[in-house]
Amino acid sequence: MFRVLEVIVASATLILLLSHWIFSFNVSIDLIALVSAFLYVFLGMRYLKEDRVIRGTIILVVSSMMAFIFIESFIPIT
């Protein structure tokens, strides 16, 4: 189940990044950060299920930083 969601979110992230960089559509960086955070959450969960604890923990910390960027765009904390 997580693998299917991971592929869907990875595809959405790739489409958003390509549309922003190559086709110059006005895609919000905050939206890209949110979708990338979801992708990193699924990657971190997969690594933790495969007993790669250090790599999974690092990826989950990176995803929490990306989610912080998204939340800070709505509620300025710093």
N, C-alpha and C. Protein backbone atom coordinates (compact mmCIF):
# COMPACT_ATOMS: atom_id res chain seq x y z
N MET A 1 0.82 -1.19 0.00
CA MET A 1 0.00 0.00 0.00
C MET A 1 0.87 1.26 0.00
N PHE A 2 1.91 1.26 0.86
CA PHE A 2 2.78 2.42 0.90
C PHE A 2 3.54 2.60 -0.41
N ARG A 3 3.86 1.50 -1.07
CA ARG A 3 4.61 1.58 -2.32
C ARG A 3 3.79 2.26 -3.42
N VAL A 4 2.49 1.97 -3.48
CA VAL A 4 1.62 2.60 -4.48
C VAL A 4 1.50 4.09 -4.20
N LEU A 5 1.30 4.45 -2.93
CA LEU A 5 1.22 5.87 -2.57
C LEU A 5 2.54 6.59 -2.84
N GLU A 6 3.63 5.89 -2.61
CA GLU A 6 4.95 6.48 -2.86
C GLU A 6 5.14 6.77 -4.35
N VAL A 7 4.72 5.87 -5.19
CA VAL A 7 4.84 6.09 -6.65
C VAL A 7 3.94 7.23 -7.10
N ILE A 8 2.73 7.30 -6.56
CA ILE A 8 1.81 8.38 -6.93
C ILE A 8 2.36 9.74 -6.51
N VAL A 9 2.85 9.83 -5.29
CA VAL A 9 3.38 11.09 -4.80
C VAL A 9 4.67 11.45 -5.53
N ALA A 10 5.50 10.48 -5.84
CA ALA A 10 6.72 10.75 -6.60
C ALA A 10 6.39 11.27 -8.00
N SER A 11 5.38 10.73 -8.62
CA SER A 11 4.95 11.21 -9.94
C SER A 11 4.43 12.64 -9.86
N ALA A 12 3.65 12.92 -8.82
CA ALA A 12 3.13 14.28 -8.66
C ALA A 12 4.25 15.27 -8.41
N THR A 13 5.24 14.88 -7.62
CA THR A 13 6.39 15.75 -7.36
C THR A 13 7.17 16.02 -8.64
N LEU A 14 7.39 14.99 -9.43
CA LEU A 14 8.11 15.15 -10.69
C LEU A 14 7.35 16.05 -11.65
N ILE A 15 6.05 15.89 -11.74
CA ILE A 15 5.24 16.74 -12.62
C ILE A 15 5.28 18.19 -12.18
N LEU A 16 5.18 18.43 -10.86
CA LEU A 16 5.24 19.80 -10.36
C LEU A 16 6.59 20.45 -10.63
N LEU A 17 7.66 19.71 -10.38
CA LEU A 17 8.99 20.27 -10.60
C LEU A 17 9.27 20.54 -12.07
N LEU A 18 8.88 19.61 -12.93
CA LEU A 18 9.09 19.84 -14.37
C LEU A 18 8.26 20.99 -14.89
N SER A 19 7.03 21.11 -14.41
CA SER A 19 6.20 22.21 -14.87
C SER A 19 6.73 23.55 -14.38
N HIS A 20 7.39 23.55 -13.23
CA HIS A 20 7.95 24.80 -12.71
C HIS A 20 9.26 25.16 -13.41
N TRP A 21 10.15 24.20 -13.57
CA TRP A 21 11.48 24.48 -14.11
C TRP A 21 11.51 24.56 -15.62
N ILE A 22 10.91 23.60 -16.30
CA ILE A 22 11.05 23.53 -17.75
C ILE A 22 9.97 24.35 -18.46
N PHE A 23 8.72 24.18 -18.04
CA PHE A 23 7.62 24.84 -18.75
C PHE A 23 7.28 26.21 -18.17
N SER A 24 7.92 26.60 -17.07
CA SER A 24 7.77 27.91 -16.43
C SER A 24 6.33 28.23 -16.04
N PHE A 25 5.60 27.23 -15.58
CA PHE A 25 4.28 27.48 -15.03
C PHE A 25 4.44 28.07 -13.64
N ASN A 26 3.45 28.80 -13.19
CA ASN A 26 3.51 29.44 -11.89
C ASN A 26 3.08 28.46 -10.80
N VAL A 27 3.97 27.56 -10.43
CA VAL A 27 3.71 26.58 -9.39
C VAL A 27 4.37 27.08 -8.11
N SER A 28 3.61 27.08 -7.04
CA SER A 28 4.11 27.58 -5.77
C SER A 28 5.19 26.66 -5.20
N ILE A 29 6.24 27.27 -4.70
CA ILE A 29 7.32 26.50 -4.07
C ILE A 29 6.80 25.83 -2.80
N ASP A 30 5.83 26.46 -2.15
CA ASP A 30 5.24 25.86 -0.95
C ASP A 30 4.52 24.56 -1.27
N LEU A 31 3.84 24.52 -2.40
CA LEU A 31 3.17 23.29 -2.82
C LEU A 31 4.18 22.19 -3.14
N ILE A 32 5.27 22.56 -3.77
CA ILE A 32 6.32 21.59 -4.06
C ILE A 32 6.94 21.08 -2.76
N ALA A 33 7.11 21.95 -1.78
CA ALA A 33 7.65 21.53 -0.48
C ALA A 33 6.69 20.57 0.22
N LEU A 34 5.39 20.82 0.13
CA LEU A 34 4.41 19.93 0.76
C LEU A 34 4.41 18.55 0.12
N VAL A 35 4.39 18.50 -1.20
CA VAL A 35 4.37 17.21 -1.89
C VAL A 35 5.69 16.47 -1.67
N SER A 36 6.80 17.20 -1.66
CA SER A 36 8.09 16.57 -1.39
C SER A 36 8.16 16.04 0.04
N ALA A 37 7.55 16.75 0.98
CA ALA A 37 7.51 16.27 2.36
C ALA A 37 6.74 14.96 2.46
N PHE A 38 5.62 14.87 1.73
CA PHE A 38 4.87 13.61 1.71
C PHE A 38 5.72 12.48 1.10
N LEU A 39 6.45 12.80 0.04
CA LEU A 39 7.31 11.80 -0.58
C LEU A 39 8.38 11.31 0.40
N TYR A 40 8.99 12.24 1.11
CA TYR A 40 10.02 11.85 2.06
C TYR A 40 9.44 11.07 3.24
N VAL A 41 8.20 11.36 3.63
CA VAL A 41 7.57 10.58 4.70
C VAL A 41 7.40 9.13 4.26
N PHE A 42 6.92 8.93 3.05
CA PHE A 42 6.74 7.57 2.56
C PHE A 42 8.08 6.84 2.39
N LEU A 43 9.11 7.57 1.92
CA LEU A 43 10.43 6.96 1.81
C LEU A 43 10.98 6.58 3.19
N GLY A 44 10.81 7.48 4.16
CA GLY A 44 11.29 7.20 5.51
C GLY A 44 10.57 6.02 6.14
N MET A 45 9.26 5.92 5.91
CA MET A 45 8.51 4.78 6.44
C MET A 45 8.98 3.47 5.81
N ARG A 46 9.28 3.51 4.51
CA ARG A 46 9.75 2.30 3.84
C ARG A 46 11.12 1.87 4.38
N TYR A 47 12.00 2.85 4.60
CA TYR A 47 13.31 2.51 5.15
C TYR A 47 13.19 1.97 6.57
N LEU A 48 12.28 2.53 7.36
CA LEU A 48 12.11 2.03 8.72
C LEU A 48 11.53 0.61 8.72
N LYS A 49 10.67 0.31 7.75
CA LYS A 49 10.13 -1.05 7.66
C LYS A 49 11.21 -2.05 7.24
N GLU A 50 12.20 -1.58 6.48
CA GLU A 50 13.29 -2.45 6.03
C GLU A 50 14.45 -2.49 7.03
N ASP A 51 14.25 -1.98 8.23
CA ASP A 51 15.25 -1.94 9.30
C ASP A 51 16.48 -1.12 8.94
N ARG A 52 16.29 -0.09 8.17
CA ARG A 52 17.36 0.89 7.92
C ARG A 52 17.04 2.12 8.78
N VAL A 53 17.32 1.98 10.06
CA VAL A 53 16.84 2.95 11.04
C VAL A 53 17.50 4.31 10.87
N ILE A 54 18.80 4.35 10.67
CA ILE A 54 19.49 5.64 10.58
C ILE A 54 19.04 6.41 9.35
N ARG A 55 19.00 5.75 8.21
CA ARG A 55 18.58 6.42 6.97
C ARG A 55 17.11 6.85 7.04
N GLY A 56 16.26 6.00 7.59
CA GLY A 56 14.85 6.34 7.74
C GLY A 56 14.63 7.51 8.66
N THR A 57 15.39 7.57 9.75
CA THR A 57 15.26 8.68 10.69
C THR A 57 15.72 9.99 10.07
N ILE A 58 16.82 9.95 9.33
CA ILE A 58 17.31 11.16 8.68
C ILE A 58 16.30 11.66 7.65
N ILE A 59 15.72 10.77 6.89
CA ILE A 59 14.75 11.18 5.88
C ILE A 59 13.49 11.73 6.54
N LEU A 60 13.07 11.18 7.66
CA LEU A 60 11.91 11.72 8.36
C LEU A 60 12.20 13.10 8.94
N VAL A 61 13.43 13.35 9.38
CA VAL A 61 13.79 14.69 9.86
C VAL A 61 13.77 15.68 8.70
N VAL A 62 14.27 15.29 7.54
CA VAL A 62 14.22 16.16 6.36
C VAL A 62 12.77 16.46 5.97
N SER A 63 11.91 15.45 6.04
CA SER A 63 10.50 15.70 5.70
C SER A 63 9.84 16.63 6.69
N SER A 64 10.23 16.57 7.95
CA SER A 64 9.63 17.50 8.92
C SER A 64 10.12 18.92 8.66
N MET A 65 11.35 19.09 8.19
CA MET A 65 11.82 20.43 7.83
C MET A 65 11.07 20.97 6.62
N MET A 66 10.79 20.11 5.65
CA MET A 66 10.02 20.55 4.48
C MET A 66 8.59 20.91 4.86
N ALA A 67 8.02 20.15 5.77
CA ALA A 67 6.66 20.47 6.23
C ALA A 67 6.68 21.78 7.01
N PHE A 68 7.74 22.06 7.74
CA PHE A 68 7.86 23.33 8.45
C PHE A 68 7.89 24.50 7.47
N ILE A 69 8.56 24.34 6.33
CA ILE A 69 8.57 25.39 5.30
C ILE A 69 7.16 25.66 4.81
N PHE A 70 6.38 24.59 4.61
CA PHE A 70 5.02 24.76 4.13
C PHE A 70 4.14 25.43 5.19
N ILE A 71 4.25 25.02 6.44
CA ILE A 71 3.43 25.60 7.50
C ILE A 71 3.81 27.06 7.74
N GLU A 72 5.10 27.35 7.64
CA GLU A 72 5.55 28.72 7.88
C GLU A 72 5.05 29.68 6.81
N SER A 73 4.71 29.20 5.64
CA SER A 73 4.18 30.09 4.61
C SER A 73 2.79 30.61 4.98
N PHE A 74 2.06 29.85 5.79
CA PHE A 74 0.74 30.30 6.23
C PHE A 74 0.80 31.08 7.54
N ILE A 75 1.62 30.59 8.48
CA ILE A 75 1.73 31.21 9.79
C ILE A 75 3.21 31.55 10.00
N PRO A 76 3.60 32.79 9.80
CA PRO A 76 5.02 33.14 9.96
C PRO A 76 5.48 32.96 11.41
N ILE A 77 6.40 32.04 11.60
CA ILE A 77 6.89 31.73 12.94
C ILE A 77 8.19 32.46 13.21
N THR A 78 9.06 32.50 12.22
CA THR A 78 10.35 33.17 12.43
C THR A 78 10.40 34.51 11.75
